[in-house]
Amino acid sequence: MFKLIDKLKTVTFFKLATIYLRYLIGFAFVFASIVKIKGERFTTLPTDTSVGYFFEAMYQSGFYWQFLGWSQFIAGVLMMTQRFATIGAIIFFPIILNITLITHSVNFGSGTPTVTTLMLLGTAYLLLWDYRKWIILFQQDHHIKLDLTQTSQDKFMTHPAWAITGIIFTIVTILPNFISLQTHPALPVIWVGLLLLTGIVAFVYMLIQVKKLKS
């Protein structure tokens, strides 16, 4: 399996897929974390429903509710920086595993469990992509032989443009908490447009850089 991953790392398509998967999952967690950090309810569903009762119980837990929010926020931001994406994925995995189990255990319908399962699989993929950074933890001390100096730097994956894009994504994601999108009907469209524009500009710019980086 690891040999297959190493081969995939040489393909630009999979590099881009990995980078933008980090952005997507990171965005989802940062966006969902803000309401918890602010100490607000996540949903207005009545407590006579299983989902509403669950979220109300979590909300009433007090600082634990905010702790969950900060955990999601930190993991999401780390994912979007690209530079610290491995740490973000390691933090993210047990959280999304827990969320996935909850959505399957409580009656969340069919859509939410599907989304959380896909996010769990996506995070597992990201961890496998960076296996060289954590596989050493599962090897016995006398079997450890790791020399990363022999591995050439991937200038495409580590390009500063990706980190800058991640910072912009983070800022735009939390922007609605400072500027209410309900004050004008065009603001939600502008907000979504900024997110899409950021991703497209980074994508086009880095495709142009591919030939330069290979030379």
N, C-alpha and C. Protein backbone atom coordinates (compact mmCIF):
# COMPACT_ATOMS: atom_id res chain seq x y z
N MET A 1 0.82 -1.21 0.00
CA MET A 1 0.00 0.00 0.00
C MET A 1 0.86 1.26 0.00
N PHE A 2 1.90 1.25 0.84
CA PHE A 2 2.75 2.43 0.94
C PHE A 2 3.49 2.73 -0.37
N LYS A 3 3.84 1.66 -1.10
CA LYS A 3 4.48 1.86 -2.40
C LYS A 3 3.51 2.54 -3.37
N LEU A 4 2.23 2.17 -3.28
CA LEU A 4 1.21 2.79 -4.13
C LEU A 4 1.08 4.27 -3.79
N ILE A 5 1.09 4.59 -2.50
CA ILE A 5 1.00 5.99 -2.08
C ILE A 5 2.18 6.78 -2.61
N ASP A 6 3.37 6.19 -2.53
CA ASP A 6 4.57 6.87 -3.04
C ASP A 6 4.45 7.15 -4.53
N LYS A 7 3.82 6.23 -5.27
CA LYS A 7 3.62 6.45 -6.71
C LYS A 7 2.60 7.57 -6.95
N LEU A 8 1.54 7.58 -6.13
CA LEU A 8 0.51 8.61 -6.28
C LEU A 8 1.08 10.00 -6.01
N LYS A 9 2.07 10.06 -5.14
CA LYS A 9 2.68 11.35 -4.78
C LYS A 9 3.45 11.97 -5.93
N THR A 10 3.68 11.22 -6.97
CA THR A 10 4.40 11.75 -8.14
C THR A 10 3.43 12.29 -9.20
N VAL A 11 2.13 12.11 -8.96
CA VAL A 11 1.11 12.53 -9.93
C VAL A 11 0.50 13.85 -9.48
N THR A 12 0.54 14.86 -10.33
CA THR A 12 0.05 16.19 -9.99
C THR A 12 -1.42 16.17 -9.60
N PHE A 13 -2.23 15.36 -10.28
CA PHE A 13 -3.66 15.29 -9.97
C PHE A 13 -3.89 14.91 -8.52
N PHE A 14 -3.19 13.90 -8.03
CA PHE A 14 -3.38 13.44 -6.66
C PHE A 14 -2.80 14.44 -5.66
N LYS A 15 -1.76 15.14 -6.05
CA LYS A 15 -1.23 16.20 -5.19
C LYS A 15 -2.28 17.28 -4.98
N LEU A 16 -2.90 17.71 -6.09
CA LEU A 16 -3.94 18.73 -6.01
C LEU A 16 -5.15 18.23 -5.23
N ALA A 17 -5.52 16.98 -5.47
CA ALA A 17 -6.66 16.39 -4.76
C ALA A 17 -6.42 16.38 -3.26
N THR A 18 -5.20 16.06 -2.86
CA THR A 18 -4.84 16.02 -1.44
C THR A 18 -4.89 17.41 -0.83
N ILE A 19 -4.31 18.37 -1.52
CA ILE A 19 -4.27 19.75 -1.03
C ILE A 19 -5.68 20.31 -0.86
N TYR A 20 -6.52 20.12 -1.86
CA TYR A 20 -7.87 20.69 -1.79
C TYR A 20 -8.79 19.88 -0.86
N LEU A 21 -8.49 18.62 -0.64
CA LEU A 21 -9.23 17.85 0.36
C LEU A 21 -8.93 18.40 1.75
N ARG A 22 -7.69 18.77 1.98
CA ARG A 22 -7.32 19.40 3.25
C ARG A 22 -8.08 20.70 3.44
N TYR A 23 -8.15 21.50 2.39
CA TYR A 23 -8.90 22.75 2.46
C TYR A 23 -10.37 22.49 2.76
N LEU A 24 -10.96 21.53 2.07
CA LEU A 24 -12.39 21.25 2.20
C LEU A 24 -12.74 20.77 3.61
N ILE A 25 -12.00 19.80 4.11
CA ILE A 25 -12.26 19.28 5.44
C ILE A 25 -11.95 20.33 6.50
N GLY A 26 -10.85 21.05 6.31
CA GLY A 26 -10.49 22.12 7.24
C GLY A 26 -11.56 23.19 7.30
N PHE A 27 -12.07 23.59 6.14
CA PHE A 27 -13.13 24.60 6.08
C PHE A 27 -14.37 24.13 6.83
N ALA A 28 -14.77 22.88 6.62
CA ALA A 28 -15.97 22.34 7.27
C ALA A 28 -15.84 22.38 8.79
N PHE A 29 -14.65 22.06 9.29
CA PHE A 29 -14.45 22.05 10.74
C PHE A 29 -14.38 23.46 11.32
N VAL A 30 -13.68 24.35 10.64
CA VAL A 30 -13.58 25.73 11.13
C VAL A 30 -14.96 26.38 11.13
N PHE A 31 -15.72 26.18 10.06
CA PHE A 31 -17.05 26.76 9.95
C PHE A 31 -17.97 26.26 11.07
N ALA A 32 -17.90 24.95 11.35
CA ALA A 32 -18.77 24.36 12.37
C ALA A 32 -18.31 24.67 13.79
N SER A 33 -17.06 25.08 13.94
CA SER A 33 -16.50 25.30 15.29
C SER A 33 -16.91 26.63 15.90
N ILE A 34 -17.15 27.63 15.06
CA ILE A 34 -17.36 28.99 15.56
C ILE A 34 -18.54 29.09 16.51
N VAL A 35 -19.66 28.46 16.15
CA VAL A 35 -20.85 28.55 16.99
C VAL A 35 -20.60 27.93 18.37
N LYS A 36 -19.78 26.89 18.43
CA LYS A 36 -19.45 26.26 19.71
C LYS A 36 -18.51 27.15 20.52
N ILE A 37 -17.52 27.74 19.86
CA ILE A 37 -16.58 28.63 20.54
C ILE A 37 -17.32 29.81 21.15
N LYS A 38 -18.32 30.31 20.45
CA LYS A 38 -19.11 31.45 20.94
C LYS A 38 -20.10 31.03 22.02
N GLY A 39 -20.20 29.73 22.28
CA GLY A 39 -21.11 29.24 23.31
C GLY A 39 -22.57 29.29 22.92
N GLU A 40 -22.83 29.13 21.63
CA GLU A 40 -24.20 29.19 21.14
C GLU A 40 -24.70 27.80 20.73
N ARG A 41 -26.00 27.66 20.60
CA ARG A 41 -26.59 26.39 20.19
C ARG A 41 -26.27 26.11 18.72
N PHE A 42 -26.06 24.84 18.42
CA PHE A 42 -25.72 24.44 17.06
C PHE A 42 -26.96 24.29 16.19
N THR A 43 -28.10 24.02 16.83
CA THR A 43 -29.34 23.81 16.09
C THR A 43 -30.53 24.31 16.90
N THR A 44 -31.62 24.57 16.22
CA THR A 44 -32.86 25.01 16.89
C THR A 44 -33.90 23.89 16.90
N LEU A 45 -33.47 22.67 16.61
CA LEU A 45 -34.40 21.53 16.63
C LEU A 45 -34.96 21.33 18.03
N PRO A 46 -36.23 20.99 18.16
CA PRO A 46 -36.83 20.78 19.49
C PRO A 46 -36.22 19.59 20.20
N THR A 47 -36.23 19.63 21.52
CA THR A 47 -35.60 18.57 22.31
C THR A 47 -36.40 17.27 22.35
N ASP A 48 -37.59 17.29 21.77
CA ASP A 48 -38.35 16.03 21.72
C ASP A 48 -37.92 15.15 20.55
N THR A 49 -36.94 15.65 19.76
CA THR A 49 -36.32 14.83 18.72
C THR A 49 -34.97 14.35 19.24
N SER A 50 -34.52 13.21 18.76
CA SER A 50 -33.26 12.64 19.26
C SER A 50 -32.07 13.54 18.96
N VAL A 51 -32.05 14.13 17.76
CA VAL A 51 -30.95 15.02 17.38
C VAL A 51 -30.98 16.30 18.20
N GLY A 52 -32.17 16.90 18.34
CA GLY A 52 -32.30 18.12 19.13
C GLY A 52 -31.93 17.89 20.58
N TYR A 53 -32.35 16.75 21.14
CA TYR A 53 -32.03 16.41 22.53
C TYR A 53 -30.52 16.25 22.71
N PHE A 54 -29.89 15.59 21.74
CA PHE A 54 -28.44 15.37 21.82
C PHE A 54 -27.68 16.69 21.82
N PHE A 55 -28.00 17.57 20.86
CA PHE A 55 -27.28 18.84 20.77
C PHE A 55 -27.57 19.75 21.96
N GLU A 56 -28.77 19.68 22.50
CA GLU A 56 -29.09 20.49 23.68
C GLU A 56 -28.27 20.01 24.88
N ALA A 57 -28.13 18.68 25.01
CA ALA A 57 -27.32 18.13 26.10
C ALA A 57 -25.86 18.55 25.96
N MET A 58 -25.35 18.53 24.74
CA MET A 58 -23.97 18.96 24.49
C MET A 58 -23.81 20.44 24.80
N TYR A 59 -24.80 21.23 24.40
CA TYR A 59 -24.75 22.68 24.65
C TYR A 59 -24.75 22.97 26.15
N GLN A 60 -25.55 22.23 26.89
CA GLN A 60 -25.66 22.44 28.33
C GLN A 60 -24.41 21.98 29.09
N SER A 61 -23.50 21.30 28.41
CA SER A 61 -22.27 20.85 29.07
C SER A 61 -21.32 22.00 29.38
N GLY A 62 -21.62 23.19 28.84
CA GLY A 62 -20.84 24.38 29.18
C GLY A 62 -19.51 24.45 28.47
N PHE A 63 -18.42 24.52 29.28
CA PHE A 63 -17.10 24.74 28.69
C PHE A 63 -16.67 23.57 27.81
N TYR A 64 -17.24 22.37 28.02
CA TYR A 64 -16.91 21.24 27.16
C TYR A 64 -17.37 21.49 25.74
N TRP A 65 -18.50 22.17 25.59
CA TRP A 65 -19.03 22.55 24.28
C TRP A 65 -18.04 23.46 23.56
N GLN A 66 -17.47 24.42 24.32
CA GLN A 66 -16.49 25.32 23.74
C GLN A 66 -15.17 24.61 23.47
N PHE A 67 -14.83 23.65 24.33
CA PHE A 67 -13.61 22.86 24.11
C PHE A 67 -13.70 22.10 22.79
N LEU A 68 -14.86 21.53 22.51
CA LEU A 68 -15.06 20.85 21.23
C LEU A 68 -14.87 21.82 20.07
N GLY A 69 -15.41 23.02 20.24
CA GLY A 69 -15.28 24.04 19.20
C GLY A 69 -13.84 24.40 18.93
N TRP A 70 -13.08 24.64 19.99
CA TRP A 70 -11.67 25.00 19.83
C TRP A 70 -10.87 23.84 19.22
N SER A 71 -11.20 22.62 19.61
CA SER A 71 -10.51 21.45 19.04
C SER A 71 -10.75 21.37 17.54
N GLN A 72 -12.00 21.58 17.13
CA GLN A 72 -12.33 21.56 15.71
C GLN A 72 -11.63 22.71 14.98
N PHE A 73 -11.62 23.87 15.60
CA PHE A 73 -11.02 25.05 14.97
C PHE A 73 -9.52 24.84 14.75
N ILE A 74 -8.83 24.39 15.78
CA ILE A 74 -7.38 24.19 15.69
C ILE A 74 -7.05 23.13 14.64
N ALA A 75 -7.77 22.01 14.67
CA ALA A 75 -7.53 20.94 13.69
C ALA A 75 -7.79 21.44 12.27
N GLY A 76 -8.88 22.20 12.09
CA GLY A 76 -9.23 22.71 10.77
C GLY A 76 -8.21 23.69 10.22
N VAL A 77 -7.76 24.60 11.08
CA VAL A 77 -6.76 25.60 10.65
C VAL A 77 -5.45 24.91 10.29
N LEU A 78 -5.02 23.97 11.12
CA LEU A 78 -3.78 23.24 10.84
C LEU A 78 -3.86 22.51 9.50
N MET A 79 -5.04 21.95 9.21
CA MET A 79 -5.22 21.26 7.93
C MET A 79 -5.06 22.23 6.77
N MET A 80 -5.64 23.42 6.90
CA MET A 80 -5.63 24.37 5.79
C MET A 80 -4.29 25.06 5.60
N THR A 81 -3.42 25.03 6.62
CA THR A 81 -2.09 25.63 6.44
C THR A 81 -1.22 24.80 5.50
N GLN A 82 -1.58 23.54 5.29
CA GLN A 82 -0.80 22.58 4.50
C GLN A 82 0.52 22.23 5.20
N ARG A 83 1.22 23.23 5.70
CA ARG A 83 2.52 22.99 6.35
C ARG A 83 2.35 22.08 7.57
N PHE A 84 1.27 22.26 8.31
CA PHE A 84 1.03 21.47 9.52
C PHE A 84 -0.18 20.55 9.35
N ALA A 85 -0.45 20.17 8.10
CA ALA A 85 -1.64 19.37 7.79
C ALA A 85 -1.61 18.00 8.46
N THR A 86 -0.43 17.42 8.62
CA THR A 86 -0.34 16.10 9.24
C THR A 86 -0.79 16.15 10.69
N ILE A 87 -0.33 17.17 11.42
CA ILE A 87 -0.76 17.34 12.81
C ILE A 87 -2.26 17.55 12.87
N GLY A 88 -2.76 18.37 11.94
CA GLY A 88 -4.19 18.63 11.88
C GLY A 88 -4.99 17.35 11.64
N ALA A 89 -4.51 16.50 10.74
CA ALA A 89 -5.20 15.24 10.43
C ALA A 89 -5.18 14.29 11.62
N ILE A 90 -4.05 14.27 12.35
CA ILE A 90 -3.94 13.41 13.54
C ILE A 90 -4.94 13.85 14.61
N ILE A 91 -5.07 15.17 14.81
CA ILE A 91 -6.04 15.69 15.77
C ILE A 91 -7.46 15.45 15.26
N PHE A 92 -7.63 15.63 13.97
CA PHE A 92 -8.94 15.57 13.33
C PHE A 92 -9.55 14.17 13.35
N PHE A 93 -8.71 13.14 13.17
CA PHE A 93 -9.23 11.79 12.98
C PHE A 93 -10.09 11.29 14.14
N PRO A 94 -9.62 11.35 15.40
CA PRO A 94 -10.49 10.86 16.48
C PRO A 94 -11.77 11.69 16.64
N ILE A 95 -11.70 12.98 16.30
CA ILE A 95 -12.89 13.83 16.40
C ILE A 95 -13.92 13.41 15.37
N ILE A 96 -13.49 13.27 14.12
CA ILE A 96 -14.45 12.92 13.06
C ILE A 96 -14.91 11.47 13.21
N LEU A 97 -14.08 10.60 13.78
CA LEU A 97 -14.50 9.23 14.07
C LEU A 97 -15.64 9.24 15.08
N ASN A 98 -15.49 10.05 16.13
CA ASN A 98 -16.52 10.18 17.15
C ASN A 98 -17.81 10.75 16.56
N ILE A 99 -17.67 11.79 15.72
CA ILE A 99 -18.84 12.41 15.10
C ILE A 99 -19.55 11.42 14.18
N THR A 100 -18.78 10.64 13.43
CA THR A 100 -19.36 9.66 12.52
C THR A 100 -20.17 8.61 13.28
N LEU A 101 -19.61 8.12 14.38
CA LEU A 101 -20.32 7.13 15.19
C LEU A 101 -21.60 7.70 15.77
N ILE A 102 -21.55 8.97 16.19
CA ILE A 102 -22.74 9.63 16.75
C ILE A 102 -23.83 9.75 15.69
N THR A 103 -23.45 10.19 14.49
CA THR A 103 -24.46 10.39 13.44
C THR A 103 -25.09 9.07 12.99
N HIS A 104 -24.36 7.97 13.17
CA HIS A 104 -24.93 6.67 12.84
C HIS A 104 -25.76 6.11 14.00
N SER A 105 -25.40 6.51 15.23
CA SER A 105 -26.10 5.99 16.41
C SER A 105 -27.40 6.74 16.68
N VAL A 106 -27.35 8.07 16.53
CA VAL A 106 -28.53 8.91 16.73
C VAL A 106 -29.22 9.07 15.37
N ASN A 107 -30.51 9.30 15.39
CA ASN A 107 -31.28 9.37 14.15
C ASN A 107 -31.03 10.70 13.42
N PHE A 108 -29.93 10.78 12.67
CA PHE A 108 -29.59 11.97 11.90
C PHE A 108 -30.11 11.88 10.46
N GLY A 109 -30.90 10.85 10.17
CA GLY A 109 -31.36 10.67 8.79
C GLY A 109 -30.32 9.93 7.98
N SER A 110 -30.33 10.14 6.67
CA SER A 110 -29.39 9.43 5.80
C SER A 110 -28.27 10.32 5.28
N GLY A 111 -28.54 11.62 5.12
CA GLY A 111 -27.56 12.53 4.54
C GLY A 111 -26.36 12.79 5.42
N THR A 112 -26.61 13.16 6.69
CA THR A 112 -25.51 13.51 7.60
C THR A 112 -24.55 12.34 7.85
N PRO A 113 -25.04 11.13 8.14
CA PRO A 113 -24.11 10.01 8.32
C PRO A 113 -23.25 9.75 7.08
N THR A 114 -23.83 9.96 5.91
CA THR A 114 -23.06 9.77 4.67
C THR A 114 -21.93 10.78 4.58
N VAL A 115 -22.24 12.05 4.89
CA VAL A 115 -21.24 13.11 4.83
C VAL A 115 -20.12 12.86 5.84
N THR A 116 -20.48 12.52 7.08
CA THR A 116 -19.46 12.30 8.11
C THR A 116 -18.60 11.08 7.78
N THR A 117 -19.21 10.05 7.19
CA THR A 117 -18.44 8.87 6.79
C THR A 117 -17.43 9.22 5.70
N LEU A 118 -17.85 10.03 4.75
CA LEU A 118 -16.94 10.47 3.68
C LEU A 118 -15.81 11.31 4.26
N MET A 119 -16.12 12.16 5.24
CA MET A 119 -15.08 12.97 5.88
C MET A 119 -14.10 12.08 6.64
N LEU A 120 -14.62 11.03 7.27
CA LEU A 120 -13.75 10.08 7.98
C LEU A 120 -12.82 9.37 7.01
N LEU A 121 -13.36 8.92 5.89
CA LEU A 121 -12.54 8.25 4.88
C LEU A 121 -11.53 9.21 4.27
N GLY A 122 -11.95 10.46 4.07
CA GLY A 122 -11.04 11.48 3.55
C GLY A 122 -9.88 11.74 4.48
N THR A 123 -10.17 11.79 5.79
CA THR A 123 -9.12 12.01 6.78
C THR A 123 -8.16 10.82 6.84
N ALA A 124 -8.71 9.61 6.73
CA ALA A 124 -7.87 8.41 6.70
C ALA A 124 -6.93 8.45 5.50
N TYR A 125 -7.45 8.90 4.37
CA TYR A 125 -6.62 9.05 3.16
C TYR A 125 -5.48 10.05 3.40
N LEU A 126 -5.80 11.16 4.05
CA LEU A 126 -4.78 12.18 4.31
C LEU A 126 -3.70 11.66 5.25
N LEU A 127 -4.09 10.84 6.21
CA LEU A 127 -3.11 10.24 7.12
C LEU A 127 -2.22 9.26 6.37
N LEU A 128 -2.81 8.49 5.48
CA LEU A 128 -2.01 7.56 4.67
C LEU A 128 -1.05 8.31 3.75
N TRP A 129 -1.50 9.43 3.24
CA TRP A 129 -0.66 10.25 2.36
C TRP A 129 0.62 10.69 3.08
N ASP A 130 0.50 10.98 4.35
CA ASP A 130 1.64 11.46 5.15
C ASP A 130 2.20 10.36 6.05
N TYR A 131 2.08 9.11 5.63
CA TYR A 131 2.44 7.99 6.51
C TYR A 131 3.88 8.06 6.98
N ARG A 132 4.77 8.61 6.19
CA ARG A 132 6.19 8.66 6.57
C ARG A 132 6.42 9.48 7.84
N LYS A 133 5.49 10.38 8.13
CA LYS A 133 5.66 11.28 9.28
C LYS A 133 5.22 10.65 10.60
N TRP A 134 4.41 9.57 10.53
CA TRP A 134 3.92 8.99 11.78
C TRP A 134 4.13 7.47 11.89
N ILE A 135 4.50 6.80 10.81
CA ILE A 135 4.62 5.35 10.84
C ILE A 135 5.68 4.89 11.83
N ILE A 136 6.64 5.75 12.10
CA ILE A 136 7.72 5.42 13.03
C ILE A 136 7.18 5.14 14.44
N LEU A 137 6.02 5.70 14.78
CA LEU A 137 5.43 5.51 16.10
C LEU A 137 4.99 4.07 16.33
N PHE A 138 4.82 3.30 15.27
CA PHE A 138 4.31 1.94 15.37
C PHE A 138 5.39 0.90 15.09
N GLN A 139 6.64 1.33 15.11
CA GLN A 139 7.75 0.41 14.90
C GLN A 139 8.55 0.27 16.19
N GLN A 140 9.08 -0.92 16.44
CA GLN A 140 9.91 -1.12 17.61
C GLN A 140 11.20 -0.33 17.46
N ASP A 141 11.73 0.10 18.59
CA ASP A 141 12.91 0.97 18.57
C ASP A 141 14.06 0.38 17.76
N HIS A 142 14.32 -0.91 17.91
CA HIS A 142 15.47 -1.49 17.22
C HIS A 142 15.20 -1.76 15.74
N HIS A 143 13.96 -1.49 15.30
CA HIS A 143 13.63 -1.66 13.88
C HIS A 143 13.53 -0.33 13.15
N ILE A 144 13.71 0.75 13.90
CA ILE A 144 13.54 2.08 13.30
C ILE A 144 14.77 2.44 12.48
N LYS A 145 14.54 2.72 11.23
CA LYS A 145 15.60 3.19 10.34
C LYS A 145 14.95 4.14 9.35
N LEU A 146 15.08 5.42 9.64
CA LEU A 146 14.38 6.41 8.83
C LEU A 146 15.32 7.57 8.53
N ASP A 147 15.55 7.81 7.26
CA ASP A 147 16.42 8.90 6.83
C ASP A 147 15.68 9.73 5.80
N LEU A 148 15.01 10.77 6.28
CA LEU A 148 14.22 11.62 5.39
C LEU A 148 15.08 12.56 4.56
N THR A 149 16.38 12.63 4.88
CA THR A 149 17.26 13.51 4.11
C THR A 149 17.47 12.96 2.70
N GLN A 150 17.18 11.67 2.52
CA GLN A 150 17.34 11.07 1.19
C GLN A 150 16.11 11.30 0.31
N THR A 151 15.05 11.84 0.91
CA THR A 151 13.82 12.11 0.17
C THR A 151 13.85 13.54 -0.34
N SER A 152 13.76 13.71 -1.64
CA SER A 152 13.81 15.05 -2.22
C SER A 152 12.56 15.84 -1.85
N GLN A 153 12.72 17.13 -1.66
CA GLN A 153 11.60 18.00 -1.29
C GLN A 153 10.63 18.15 -2.46
N ASP A 154 9.37 18.02 -2.17
CA ASP A 154 8.34 18.23 -3.18
C ASP A 154 8.01 19.72 -3.20
N LYS A 155 8.61 20.44 -4.13
CA LYS A 155 8.44 21.90 -4.18
C LYS A 155 7.02 22.32 -4.50
N PHE A 156 6.28 21.44 -5.16
CA PHE A 156 4.88 21.75 -5.48
C PHE A 156 4.02 21.71 -4.23
N MET A 157 4.13 20.63 -3.47
CA MET A 157 3.31 20.46 -2.26
C MET A 157 3.67 21.45 -1.17
N THR A 158 4.95 21.85 -1.12
CA THR A 158 5.41 22.73 -0.04
C THR A 158 5.50 24.19 -0.47
N HIS A 159 4.96 24.52 -1.63
CA HIS A 159 5.01 25.90 -2.12
C HIS A 159 4.27 26.83 -1.16
N PRO A 160 4.87 28.00 -0.83
CA PRO A 160 4.25 28.94 0.10
C PRO A 160 2.85 29.40 -0.31
N ALA A 161 2.54 29.33 -1.59
CA ALA A 161 1.23 29.77 -2.07
C ALA A 161 0.10 28.97 -1.42
N TRP A 162 0.35 27.70 -1.12
CA TRP A 162 -0.69 26.87 -0.50
C TRP A 162 -0.96 27.32 0.93
N ALA A 163 0.10 27.67 1.66
CA ALA A 163 -0.08 28.15 3.04
C ALA A 163 -0.81 29.48 3.05
N ILE A 164 -0.44 30.37 2.13
CA ILE A 164 -1.10 31.68 2.03
C ILE A 164 -2.58 31.49 1.70
N THR A 165 -2.86 30.57 0.79
CA THR A 165 -4.26 30.27 0.44
C THR A 165 -5.02 29.75 1.65
N GLY A 166 -4.38 28.91 2.45
CA GLY A 166 -5.01 28.39 3.66
C GLY A 166 -5.35 29.48 4.65
N ILE A 167 -4.45 30.46 4.79
CA ILE A 167 -4.70 31.59 5.69
C ILE A 167 -5.89 32.40 5.19
N ILE A 168 -5.93 32.63 3.88
CA ILE A 168 -7.05 33.39 3.29
C ILE A 168 -8.36 32.64 3.49
N PHE A 169 -8.34 31.33 3.27
CA PHE A 169 -9.53 30.50 3.49
C PHE A 169 -10.03 30.63 4.93
N THR A 170 -9.10 30.60 5.88
CA THR A 170 -9.47 30.70 7.29
C THR A 170 -10.13 32.04 7.59
N ILE A 171 -9.53 33.11 7.08
CA ILE A 171 -10.07 34.46 7.32
C ILE A 171 -11.46 34.59 6.72
N VAL A 172 -11.62 34.15 5.48
CA VAL A 172 -12.92 34.25 4.80
C VAL A 172 -13.96 33.38 5.49
N THR A 173 -13.55 32.22 6.01
CA THR A 173 -14.47 31.31 6.68
C THR A 173 -15.06 31.92 7.94
N ILE A 174 -14.23 32.63 8.72
CA ILE A 174 -14.72 33.21 9.97
C ILE A 174 -15.30 34.61 9.78
N LEU A 175 -15.21 35.14 8.57
CA LEU A 175 -15.69 36.50 8.28
C LEU A 175 -17.16 36.72 8.65
N PRO A 176 -18.06 35.75 8.40
CA PRO A 176 -19.47 35.97 8.74
C PRO A 176 -19.73 36.22 10.22
N ASN A 177 -18.76 35.90 11.08
CA ASN A 177 -18.93 36.14 12.51
C ASN A 177 -18.64 37.59 12.89
N PHE A 178 -18.08 38.34 11.95
CA PHE A 178 -17.80 39.75 12.18
C PHE A 178 -18.68 40.65 11.31
N ILE A 179 -19.11 40.10 10.17
CA ILE A 179 -20.01 40.83 9.28
C ILE A 179 -21.22 39.95 9.01
N SER A 180 -22.37 40.34 9.53
CA SER A 180 -23.58 39.53 9.37
C SER A 180 -23.97 39.43 7.90
N LEU A 181 -24.12 38.20 7.43
CA LEU A 181 -24.49 37.98 6.03
C LEU A 181 -25.98 38.21 5.80
N GLN A 182 -26.72 38.42 6.90
CA GLN A 182 -28.16 38.61 6.77
C GLN A 182 -28.55 40.06 6.49
N THR A 183 -27.58 40.98 6.58
CA THR A 183 -27.90 42.40 6.40
C THR A 183 -28.19 42.77 4.95
N HIS A 184 -27.70 41.95 4.02
CA HIS A 184 -27.95 42.21 2.60
C HIS A 184 -28.00 40.88 1.86
N PRO A 185 -28.98 40.69 0.98
CA PRO A 185 -29.12 39.40 0.28
C PRO A 185 -27.92 39.02 -0.59
N ALA A 186 -27.11 40.01 -0.97
CA ALA A 186 -25.96 39.72 -1.84
C ALA A 186 -24.74 39.22 -1.06
N LEU A 187 -24.71 39.47 0.25
CA LEU A 187 -23.53 39.12 1.04
C LEU A 187 -23.23 37.62 1.07
N PRO A 188 -24.22 36.74 1.24
CA PRO A 188 -23.91 35.31 1.20
C PRO A 188 -23.29 34.87 -0.14
N VAL A 189 -23.79 35.46 -1.22
CA VAL A 189 -23.26 35.14 -2.55
C VAL A 189 -21.82 35.62 -2.67
N ILE A 190 -21.56 36.82 -2.16
CA ILE A 190 -20.20 37.38 -2.20
C ILE A 190 -19.25 36.51 -1.37
N TRP A 191 -19.74 36.06 -0.21
CA TRP A 191 -18.91 35.23 0.68
C TRP A 191 -18.53 33.91 0.00
N VAL A 192 -19.52 33.24 -0.57
CA VAL A 192 -19.25 31.99 -1.30
C VAL A 192 -18.34 32.26 -2.49
N GLY A 193 -18.57 33.38 -3.16
CA GLY A 193 -17.74 33.76 -4.30
C GLY A 193 -16.29 33.96 -3.91
N LEU A 194 -16.05 34.56 -2.75
CA LEU A 194 -14.68 34.76 -2.26
C LEU A 194 -13.99 33.43 -2.01
N LEU A 195 -14.72 32.49 -1.43
CA LEU A 195 -14.15 31.16 -1.18
C LEU A 195 -13.78 30.47 -2.48
N LEU A 196 -14.70 30.50 -3.44
CA LEU A 196 -14.44 29.86 -4.73
C LEU A 196 -13.31 30.55 -5.48
N LEU A 197 -13.31 31.88 -5.45
CA LEU A 197 -12.28 32.64 -6.15
C LEU A 197 -10.89 32.35 -5.57
N THR A 198 -10.81 32.26 -4.25
CA THR A 198 -9.54 31.95 -3.60
C THR A 198 -8.99 30.60 -4.07
N GLY A 199 -9.87 29.60 -4.09
CA GLY A 199 -9.45 28.27 -4.52
C GLY A 199 -9.07 28.22 -5.98
N ILE A 200 -9.83 28.92 -6.83
CA ILE A 200 -9.56 28.91 -8.27
C ILE A 200 -8.25 29.64 -8.59
N VAL A 201 -8.04 30.79 -7.97
CA VAL A 201 -6.81 31.57 -8.21
C VAL A 201 -5.58 30.75 -7.82
N ALA A 202 -5.64 30.11 -6.64
CA ALA A 202 -4.51 29.29 -6.20
C ALA A 202 -4.28 28.12 -7.16
N PHE A 203 -5.37 27.52 -7.61
CA PHE A 203 -5.29 26.38 -8.53
C PHE A 203 -4.61 26.79 -9.84
N VAL A 204 -5.07 27.88 -10.43
CA VAL A 204 -4.52 28.35 -11.71
C VAL A 204 -3.07 28.76 -11.55
N TYR A 205 -2.78 29.50 -10.48
CA TYR A 205 -1.41 29.97 -10.24
C TYR A 205 -0.44 28.80 -10.13
N MET A 206 -0.83 27.77 -9.37
CA MET A 206 0.08 26.65 -9.16
C MET A 206 0.21 25.77 -10.40
N LEU A 207 -0.82 25.71 -11.22
CA LEU A 207 -0.68 24.98 -12.49
C LEU A 207 0.35 25.65 -13.39
N ILE A 208 0.36 26.98 -13.34
CA ILE A 208 1.36 27.74 -14.12
C ILE A 208 2.76 27.48 -13.59
N GLN A 209 2.85 27.29 -12.25
CA GLN A 209 4.15 27.09 -11.62
C GLN A 209 4.70 25.68 -11.80
N VAL A 210 3.85 24.74 -12.19
CA VAL A 210 4.28 23.34 -12.29
C VAL A 210 5.52 23.17 -13.16
N LYS A 211 5.49 23.74 -14.35
CA LYS A 211 6.62 23.60 -15.28
C LYS A 211 7.88 24.26 -14.71
N LYS A 212 7.69 25.40 -14.05
CA LYS A 212 8.85 26.09 -13.47
C LYS A 212 9.49 25.26 -12.36
N LEU A 213 8.64 24.62 -11.55
CA LEU A 213 9.15 23.84 -10.43
C LEU A 213 9.85 22.57 -10.89
N LYS A 214 9.43 22.03 -12.03
CA LYS A 214 10.05 20.81 -12.56
C LYS A 214 11.39 21.09 -13.23
N SER A 215 11.58 22.33 -13.64
CA SER A 215 12.83 22.68 -14.34
C SER A 215 13.97 22.92 -13.37
